[in-house]
Protein backbone atom coordinates (compact mmCIF):
# COMPACT_ATOMS: atom_id res chain seq x y z
CA UNK A 1 60.08 89.62 139.55
CA UNK A 2 60.60 87.22 136.59
CA UNK A 3 57.95 89.03 134.54
CA UNK A 4 59.74 92.40 135.05
CA UNK A 5 63.09 90.96 133.76
CA UNK A 6 61.57 89.22 130.77
CA UNK A 7 59.66 92.42 129.83
CA UNK A 8 62.89 94.44 130.06
CA UNK A 9 64.74 91.82 127.97
CA UNK A 10 62.05 92.03 125.24
CA UNK A 11 62.26 95.81 125.20
CA UNK A 12 66.07 95.73 124.91
CA UNK A 13 65.91 93.10 122.18
CA UNK A 14 63.35 95.14 120.24
CA UNK A 15 65.47 98.29 120.49
CA UNK A 16 68.55 96.35 119.33
CA UNK A 17 66.68 95.03 116.34
CA UNK A 18 65.35 98.48 115.41
CA UNK A 19 68.81 100.00 115.66
CA UNK A 20 70.35 97.20 113.63
CA UNK A 21 67.71 97.55 110.92
CA UNK A 22 68.07 101.34 110.73
CA UNK A 23 71.85 101.04 110.48
CA UNK A 24 71.68 98.66 107.52
CA UNK A 25 68.69 100.26 105.88
CA UNK A 26 70.02 103.83 105.88
CA UNK A 27 73.75 103.27 105.66
CA UNK A 28 75.16 104.62 102.42
CA UNK A 29 77.33 102.11 100.62
CA UNK A 30 79.86 103.31 98.08
CA UNK A 31 79.21 102.13 94.56
CA UNK A 32 82.22 100.40 93.05
CA UNK A 33 80.56 100.03 89.68
CA UNK A 34 81.11 102.81 87.26
CA UNK A 35 78.39 103.86 84.91
CA UNK A 36 78.77 103.47 81.21
CA UNK A 37 78.82 107.23 80.90
CA UNK A 38 81.89 107.45 83.19
CA UNK A 39 83.73 104.91 81.04
CA UNK A 40 82.85 106.76 77.82
CA UNK A 41 84.00 110.15 79.14
CA UNK A 42 87.46 108.82 79.98
CA UNK A 43 89.92 108.37 77.16
CA UNK A 44 91.23 104.79 76.91
CA UNK A 45 95.04 104.72 76.68
CA UNK A 46 95.27 101.04 75.84
CA UNK A 47 93.74 97.67 76.77
CA UNK A 48 95.68 95.19 78.96
CA UNK A 49 95.35 91.90 80.77
CA UNK A 50 95.06 92.06 84.54
CA UNK A 51 97.26 88.97 84.84
CA UNK A 52 99.73 89.90 82.09
CA UNK A 53 100.29 93.70 82.10
CA UNK A 54 102.91 93.34 79.38
CA UNK A 55 100.07 92.45 76.97
CA UNK A 56 98.79 95.74 75.54
CA UNK A 57 96.33 96.35 72.72
CA UNK A 58 94.83 99.42 71.09
CA UNK A 59 91.38 97.78 71.07
CA UNK A 60 89.33 95.46 73.34
CA UNK A 61 89.87 91.75 72.99
CA UNK A 62 91.34 88.76 74.77
CA UNK A 63 94.81 88.24 76.24
CA UNK A 64 97.11 86.40 73.87
CA UNK A 65 98.65 84.48 76.80
CA UNK A 66 95.70 83.37 78.93
CA UNK A 67 92.56 84.36 76.94
CA UNK A 68 91.16 86.63 79.70
CA UNK A 69 89.17 89.73 78.63
CA UNK A 70 91.40 92.79 78.28
CA UNK A 71 90.63 95.70 80.62
CA UNK A 72 90.82 99.36 79.67
CA UNK A 73 93.57 101.58 81.07
CA UNK A 74 92.44 105.17 81.04
CA UNK A 75 94.70 108.21 80.58
CA UNK A 76 94.72 109.21 84.26
CA UNK A 77 95.02 105.68 85.60
CA UNK A 78 98.64 104.99 84.77
CA UNK A 79 100.86 104.82 87.83
CA UNK A 80 104.30 106.23 88.53
CA UNK A 81 105.67 102.70 88.60
CA UNK A 82 104.40 102.18 85.04
CA UNK A 83 106.35 105.26 83.94
CA UNK A 84 109.55 103.85 85.50
CA UNK A 85 109.03 100.35 84.12
CA UNK A 86 111.77 98.95 81.99
CA UNK A 87 112.10 95.84 79.86
CA UNK A 88 114.84 93.28 79.94
CA UNK A 89 115.91 90.01 78.38
CA UNK A 90 115.51 86.89 80.51
CA UNK A 91 118.78 85.51 79.11
CA UNK A 92 120.69 88.80 79.25
CA UNK A 93 119.51 90.83 82.27
CA UNK A 94 122.08 93.54 81.50
CA UNK A 95 120.07 94.44 78.36
CA UNK A 96 117.50 97.01 79.40
CA UNK A 97 115.02 99.06 77.40
CA UNK A 98 112.40 101.68 78.28
CA UNK A 99 109.90 99.99 75.93
CA UNK A 100 109.11 96.46 74.70
CA UNK A 101 111.17 95.05 71.89
CA UNK A 102 113.82 92.43 71.16
CA UNK A 103 117.09 91.72 72.93
CA UNK A 104 120.05 93.17 71.04
CA UNK A 105 122.24 90.20 72.11
CA UNK A 106 119.98 87.22 71.19
CA UNK A 107 116.79 88.58 69.58
CA UNK A 108 114.47 87.21 72.25
CA UNK A 109 111.35 89.22 73.21
CA UNK A 110 112.02 91.56 76.14
CA UNK A 111 109.83 91.14 79.25
CA UNK A 112 108.89 93.62 81.95
CA UNK A 113 111.52 93.77 84.66
CA UNK A 114 110.23 92.97 88.16
CA UNK A 115 112.18 94.73 90.83
């Protein structure tokens, strides 16, 4: 009796291992890395810092605030929220602009408004 149960247990264990192996061996995983060709084909709109989206550059480089590597923003990657973004003065929140610049009241640099 004991031999029959242990033999059945080994068969079940072997099948479970085979199924597990086949699942991991043949499962297709999506590739999150883009090839260099894909990056070249897309037109870069500008370069920006992932931590400071207000930092924008026409060429690759480092963020002027934190020193992180700037990331490319491609033409089709801009979001609707980016289109609606406006800039404001931290001292005069009533001053709003559709693009970066200086506050008309005090001359301070405008920052992206977070709503």
